[in-house]
Amino acid sequence: MPGFEILAIAVFGAIAWLWLDSLKAREAAIFAAREACAAEGLMLLDDTVSISMVKPARDEDGHVKLKRAYEFEFSDTGDNRRKGSVVLLGRRVVLFNVGLREASLPTTLH
């Protein structure tokens, strides 16, 4: 088998792996966003996330994995849209952010 065909098969396999791994990571991000929003009493809007960043990073064991950041929209009152984010290293959630909500801010400053 000529070298070009082997290289083409390897590239196709790598692209297929990246696509399937990205689908599984996206499902994990949606699940994490849904569960965290439910735990905080928030509504996950559109029931989806969108990718905002992909880069290689090392986990605590030193293995290189893909670090992906996803953004989503949620509502705390039912009539507004707020942005949140979830960061995964591999398929493990390492950061979840829904920002400061007005109810959690102090009303008076001393």
N, C-alpha and C. Protein backbone atom coordinates (compact mmCIF):
# COMPACT_ATOMS: atom_id res chain seq x y z
N MET A 1 0.86 -1.17 0.00
CA MET A 1 0.00 0.00 0.00
C MET A 1 0.90 1.23 0.00
N PRO A 2 0.73 2.13 -0.93
CA PRO A 2 1.55 3.33 -1.01
C PRO A 2 1.39 4.19 0.24
N GLY A 3 2.43 4.99 0.53
CA GLY A 3 2.45 5.83 1.72
C GLY A 3 1.34 6.86 1.75
N PHE A 4 0.94 7.40 0.59
CA PHE A 4 -0.12 8.40 0.55
C PHE A 4 -1.45 7.82 1.03
N GLU A 5 -1.77 6.59 0.64
CA GLU A 5 -3.02 5.97 1.05
C GLU A 5 -3.03 5.71 2.56
N ILE A 6 -1.89 5.27 3.09
CA ILE A 6 -1.80 5.04 4.54
C ILE A 6 -1.99 6.35 5.28
N LEU A 7 -1.33 7.40 4.79
CA LEU A 7 -1.46 8.72 5.42
C LEU A 7 -2.91 9.23 5.34
N ALA A 8 -3.56 9.04 4.20
CA ALA A 8 -4.95 9.48 4.03
C ALA A 8 -5.87 8.73 4.99
N ILE A 9 -5.67 7.44 5.17
CA ILE A 9 -6.49 6.65 6.09
C ILE A 9 -6.25 7.11 7.53
N ALA A 10 -4.98 7.39 7.87
CA ALA A 10 -4.67 7.86 9.22
C ALA A 10 -5.31 9.22 9.49
N VAL A 11 -5.25 10.12 8.53
CA VAL A 11 -5.85 11.44 8.69
C VAL A 11 -7.37 11.31 8.82
N PHE A 12 -7.98 10.49 7.99
CA PHE A 12 -9.43 10.27 8.07
C PHE A 12 -9.81 9.68 9.43
N GLY A 13 -9.02 8.73 9.91
CA GLY A 13 -9.29 8.13 11.22
C GLY A 13 -9.17 9.15 12.34
N ALA A 14 -8.16 10.03 12.27
CA ALA A 14 -7.99 11.06 13.29
C ALA A 14 -9.16 12.04 13.28
N ILE A 15 -9.61 12.41 12.11
CA ILE A 15 -10.76 13.33 12.00
C ILE A 15 -12.02 12.67 12.55
N ALA A 16 -12.23 11.40 12.23
CA ALA A 16 -13.40 10.67 12.74
C ALA A 16 -13.34 10.57 14.26
N TRP A 17 -12.15 10.28 14.81
CA TRP A 17 -12.01 10.19 16.27
C TRP A 17 -12.31 11.53 16.92
N LEU A 18 -11.77 12.63 16.36
CA LEU A 18 -12.00 13.95 16.92
C LEU A 18 -13.48 14.31 16.89
N TRP A 19 -14.14 13.98 15.81
CA TRP A 19 -15.58 14.28 15.68
C TRP A 19 -16.38 13.49 16.72
N LEU A 20 -16.14 12.19 16.85
CA LEU A 20 -16.87 11.38 17.82
C LEU A 20 -16.56 11.80 19.25
N ASP A 21 -15.29 12.09 19.54
CA ASP A 21 -14.92 12.53 20.88
C ASP A 21 -15.56 13.87 21.21
N SER A 22 -15.65 14.76 20.23
CA SER A 22 -16.30 16.05 20.44
C SER A 22 -17.79 15.90 20.71
N LEU A 23 -18.44 14.96 20.03
CA LEU A 23 -19.86 14.71 20.29
C LEU A 23 -20.08 14.22 21.72
N LYS A 24 -19.22 13.30 22.18
CA LYS A 24 -19.35 12.78 23.54
C LYS A 24 -19.06 13.87 24.57
N ALA A 25 -18.07 14.72 24.31
CA ALA A 25 -17.77 15.81 25.23
C ALA A 25 -18.92 16.81 25.27
N ARG A 26 -19.53 17.09 24.13
CA ARG A 26 -20.67 18.01 24.09
C ARG A 26 -21.84 17.46 24.88
N GLU A 27 -22.09 16.14 24.77
CA GLU A 27 -23.15 15.52 25.57
C GLU A 27 -22.86 15.65 27.05
N ALA A 28 -21.59 15.48 27.44
CA ALA A 28 -21.21 15.63 28.85
C ALA A 28 -21.41 17.07 29.31
N ALA A 29 -21.11 18.04 28.46
CA ALA A 29 -21.30 19.44 28.81
C ALA A 29 -22.78 19.78 28.96
N ILE A 30 -23.62 19.26 28.07
CA ILE A 30 -25.06 19.50 28.19
C ILE A 30 -25.59 18.90 29.47
N PHE A 31 -25.17 17.68 29.80
CA PHE A 31 -25.61 17.02 31.02
C PHE A 31 -25.17 17.82 32.24
N ALA A 32 -23.91 18.27 32.25
CA ALA A 32 -23.40 19.05 33.39
C ALA A 32 -24.16 20.37 33.54
N ALA A 33 -24.41 21.05 32.44
CA ALA A 33 -25.15 22.31 32.49
C ALA A 33 -26.58 22.08 32.97
N ARG A 34 -27.21 21.04 32.49
CA ARG A 34 -28.58 20.73 32.89
C ARG A 34 -28.66 20.41 34.39
N GLU A 35 -27.75 19.58 34.87
CA GLU A 35 -27.75 19.19 36.28
C GLU A 35 -27.41 20.37 37.20
N ALA A 36 -26.42 21.16 36.83
CA ALA A 36 -26.03 22.29 37.66
C ALA A 36 -27.13 23.36 37.69
N CYS A 37 -27.75 23.61 36.55
CA CYS A 37 -28.85 24.58 36.53
C CYS A 37 -30.01 24.10 37.39
N ALA A 38 -30.32 22.82 37.33
CA ALA A 38 -31.40 22.27 38.15
C ALA A 38 -31.06 22.39 39.63
N ALA A 39 -29.81 22.14 39.99
CA ALA A 39 -29.40 22.23 41.39
C ALA A 39 -29.44 23.67 41.91
N GLU A 40 -29.21 24.63 41.03
CA GLU A 40 -29.22 26.04 41.42
C GLU A 40 -30.60 26.69 41.25
N GLY A 41 -31.57 25.95 40.76
CA GLY A 41 -32.90 26.51 40.54
C GLY A 41 -32.97 27.39 39.31
N LEU A 42 -32.13 27.12 38.32
CA LEU A 42 -32.09 27.89 37.08
C LEU A 42 -32.68 27.08 35.95
N MET A 43 -33.05 27.74 34.88
CA MET A 43 -33.57 27.06 33.70
C MET A 43 -32.53 27.11 32.58
N LEU A 44 -32.12 25.96 32.09
CA LEU A 44 -31.21 25.90 30.94
C LEU A 44 -32.04 26.18 29.70
N LEU A 45 -31.70 27.25 29.01
CA LEU A 45 -32.47 27.65 27.83
C LEU A 45 -31.97 26.93 26.59
N ASP A 46 -32.85 26.57 25.72
CA ASP A 46 -32.57 25.90 24.44
C ASP A 46 -31.98 24.51 24.62
N ASP A 47 -31.71 24.09 25.85
CA ASP A 47 -31.20 22.76 26.17
C ASP A 47 -29.98 22.40 25.32
N THR A 48 -29.08 23.36 25.14
CA THR A 48 -27.90 23.12 24.32
C THR A 48 -26.73 23.97 24.80
N VAL A 49 -25.54 23.62 24.33
CA VAL A 49 -24.32 24.38 24.59
C VAL A 49 -23.64 24.63 23.26
N SER A 50 -22.78 25.64 23.22
CA SER A 50 -22.00 25.91 22.00
C SER A 50 -20.53 25.99 22.37
N ILE A 51 -19.70 25.41 21.52
CA ILE A 51 -18.27 25.37 21.80
C ILE A 51 -17.67 26.76 21.62
N SER A 52 -16.79 27.14 22.54
CA SER A 52 -16.13 28.44 22.41
C SER A 52 -14.61 28.33 22.38
N MET A 53 -14.05 27.17 22.80
CA MET A 53 -12.61 27.03 22.81
C MET A 53 -12.23 25.55 22.87
N VAL A 54 -11.20 25.19 22.11
CA VAL A 54 -10.62 23.85 22.17
C VAL A 54 -9.11 24.01 22.13
N LYS A 55 -8.43 23.39 23.09
CA LYS A 55 -6.96 23.42 23.08
C LYS A 55 -6.44 22.24 23.88
N PRO A 56 -5.23 21.80 23.59
CA PRO A 56 -4.65 20.72 24.38
C PRO A 56 -4.22 21.24 25.76
N ALA A 57 -4.39 20.38 26.77
CA ALA A 57 -3.98 20.72 28.13
C ALA A 57 -3.64 19.42 28.86
N ARG A 58 -2.89 19.54 29.93
CA ARG A 58 -2.50 18.37 30.72
C ARG A 58 -3.42 18.22 31.91
N ASP A 59 -3.77 16.96 32.23
CA ASP A 59 -4.55 16.69 33.42
C ASP A 59 -3.61 16.56 34.61
N GLU A 60 -4.16 16.21 35.79
CA GLU A 60 -3.32 16.15 36.99
C GLU A 60 -2.29 15.01 36.94
N ASP A 61 -2.49 14.03 36.06
CA ASP A 61 -1.52 12.95 35.89
C ASP A 61 -0.48 13.26 34.83
N GLY A 62 -0.60 14.41 34.17
CA GLY A 62 0.35 14.81 33.15
C GLY A 62 0.01 14.35 31.75
N HIS A 63 -1.14 13.70 31.57
CA HIS A 63 -1.56 13.25 30.25
C HIS A 63 -2.17 14.41 29.46
N VAL A 64 -1.88 14.46 28.19
CA VAL A 64 -2.44 15.51 27.32
C VAL A 64 -3.85 15.11 26.92
N LYS A 65 -4.79 16.02 27.16
CA LYS A 65 -6.19 15.84 26.78
C LYS A 65 -6.68 17.12 26.15
N LEU A 66 -7.83 17.06 25.53
CA LEU A 66 -8.42 18.27 24.95
C LEU A 66 -9.23 18.99 26.02
N LYS A 67 -8.95 20.28 26.15
CA LYS A 67 -9.71 21.14 27.05
C LYS A 67 -10.70 21.91 26.20
N ARG A 68 -11.97 21.77 26.53
CA ARG A 68 -13.03 22.41 25.74
C ARG A 68 -13.86 23.32 26.64
N ALA A 69 -14.17 24.50 26.15
CA ALA A 69 -15.06 25.42 26.86
C ALA A 69 -16.35 25.55 26.05
N TYR A 70 -17.45 25.45 26.75
CA TYR A 70 -18.77 25.56 26.13
C TYR A 70 -19.53 26.70 26.80
N GLU A 71 -20.31 27.42 26.02
CA GLU A 71 -21.18 28.47 26.55
C GLU A 71 -22.63 28.02 26.41
N PHE A 72 -23.46 28.52 27.31
CA PHE A 72 -24.88 28.22 27.25
C PHE A 72 -25.63 29.41 27.82
N GLU A 73 -26.93 29.40 27.64
CA GLU A 73 -27.78 30.45 28.19
C GLU A 73 -28.73 29.84 29.20
N PHE A 74 -28.96 30.59 30.27
CA PHE A 74 -29.89 30.15 31.30
C PHE A 74 -30.73 31.33 31.74
N SER A 75 -31.77 31.04 32.49
CA SER A 75 -32.63 32.09 33.02
C SER A 75 -32.83 31.83 34.50
N ASP A 76 -32.75 32.89 35.29
CA ASP A 76 -33.01 32.75 36.72
C ASP A 76 -34.41 33.22 37.10
N THR A 77 -35.04 34.01 36.23
CA THR A 77 -36.39 34.50 36.53
C THR A 77 -37.44 33.98 35.55
N GLY A 78 -37.02 33.46 34.42
CA GLY A 78 -37.96 32.98 33.42
C GLY A 78 -38.20 33.97 32.30
N ASP A 79 -37.79 35.22 32.48
CA ASP A 79 -38.01 36.21 31.42
C ASP A 79 -36.73 36.96 31.06
N ASN A 80 -35.59 36.33 31.30
CA ASN A 80 -34.31 36.93 30.91
C ASN A 80 -33.38 35.83 30.40
N ARG A 81 -32.32 36.26 29.76
CA ARG A 81 -31.29 35.33 29.27
C ARG A 81 -29.96 35.76 29.85
N ARG A 82 -29.27 34.82 30.46
CA ARG A 82 -27.94 35.08 31.01
C ARG A 82 -26.99 34.05 30.45
N LYS A 83 -25.72 34.39 30.39
CA LYS A 83 -24.72 33.48 29.84
C LYS A 83 -24.00 32.74 30.95
N GLY A 84 -23.73 31.48 30.68
CA GLY A 84 -22.94 30.66 31.58
C GLY A 84 -21.93 29.88 30.75
N SER A 85 -21.03 29.20 31.43
CA SER A 85 -20.03 28.41 30.72
C SER A 85 -19.67 27.18 31.53
N VAL A 86 -19.18 26.19 30.81
CA VAL A 86 -18.69 24.97 31.42
C VAL A 86 -17.41 24.58 30.68
N VAL A 87 -16.38 24.19 31.45
CA VAL A 87 -15.09 23.80 30.87
C VAL A 87 -14.85 22.34 31.20
N LEU A 88 -14.49 21.57 30.17
CA LEU A 88 -14.21 20.15 30.34
C LEU A 88 -12.76 19.87 29.98
N LEU A 89 -12.13 18.98 30.72
CA LEU A 89 -10.81 18.47 30.40
C LEU A 89 -11.03 17.00 30.10
N GLY A 90 -10.94 16.64 28.84
CA GLY A 90 -11.40 15.32 28.42
C GLY A 90 -12.92 15.36 28.46
N ARG A 91 -13.50 14.49 29.30
CA ARG A 91 -14.95 14.53 29.51
C ARG A 91 -15.31 14.87 30.94
N ARG A 92 -14.33 15.34 31.70
CA ARG A 92 -14.53 15.68 33.11
C ARG A 92 -14.71 17.18 33.25
N VAL A 93 -15.74 17.58 33.97
CA VAL A 93 -16.01 19.01 34.19
C VAL A 93 -14.98 19.55 35.18
N VAL A 94 -14.29 20.61 34.79
CA VAL A 94 -13.31 21.23 35.68
C VAL A 94 -13.76 22.61 36.15
N LEU A 95 -14.70 23.22 35.45
CA LEU A 95 -15.17 24.55 35.84
C LEU A 95 -16.60 24.73 35.33
N PHE A 96 -17.43 25.25 36.21
CA PHE A 96 -18.81 25.59 35.84
C PHE A 96 -19.07 27.01 36.32
N ASN A 97 -19.58 27.87 35.46
CA ASN A 97 -19.76 29.27 35.80
C ASN A 97 -21.13 29.76 35.35
N VAL A 98 -21.91 30.26 36.29
CA VAL A 98 -23.16 30.93 35.96
C VAL A 98 -23.13 32.38 36.40
N GLY A 99 -21.96 32.87 36.81
CA GLY A 99 -21.80 34.27 37.17
C GLY A 99 -22.52 34.64 38.44
N LEU A 100 -22.41 35.90 38.79
CA LEU A 100 -23.11 36.40 39.97
C LEU A 100 -24.54 36.72 39.59
N ARG A 101 -25.45 36.29 40.42
CA ARG A 101 -26.85 36.62 40.21
C ARG A 101 -27.21 37.77 41.12
N GLU A 102 -28.19 38.55 40.73
CA GLU A 102 -28.57 39.73 41.50
C GLU A 102 -28.97 39.37 42.92
N ALA A 103 -29.61 38.26 43.14
CA ALA A 103 -30.04 37.88 44.48
C ALA A 103 -28.84 37.59 45.38
N SER A 104 -27.71 37.22 44.81
CA SER A 104 -26.55 36.90 45.62
C SER A 104 -25.66 38.11 45.89
N LEU A 105 -25.95 39.24 45.30
CA LEU A 105 -25.16 40.44 45.53
C LEU A 105 -25.65 41.17 46.78
N PRO A 106 -24.75 41.78 47.54
CA PRO A 106 -25.20 42.54 48.71
C PRO A 106 -26.00 43.77 48.28
N THR A 107 -27.01 44.11 49.07
CA THR A 107 -27.85 45.26 48.73
C THR A 107 -27.27 46.56 49.22
N THR A 108 -26.47 46.51 50.28
CA THR A 108 -25.83 47.73 50.78
C THR A 108 -24.34 47.47 50.93
N LEU A 109 -23.60 48.51 50.68
CA LEU A 109 -22.16 48.40 50.82
C LEU A 109 -21.75 49.18 52.07
N HIS A 110 -20.86 48.66 52.85
CA HIS A 110 -20.41 49.33 54.08
C HIS A 110 -19.01 49.85 53.88
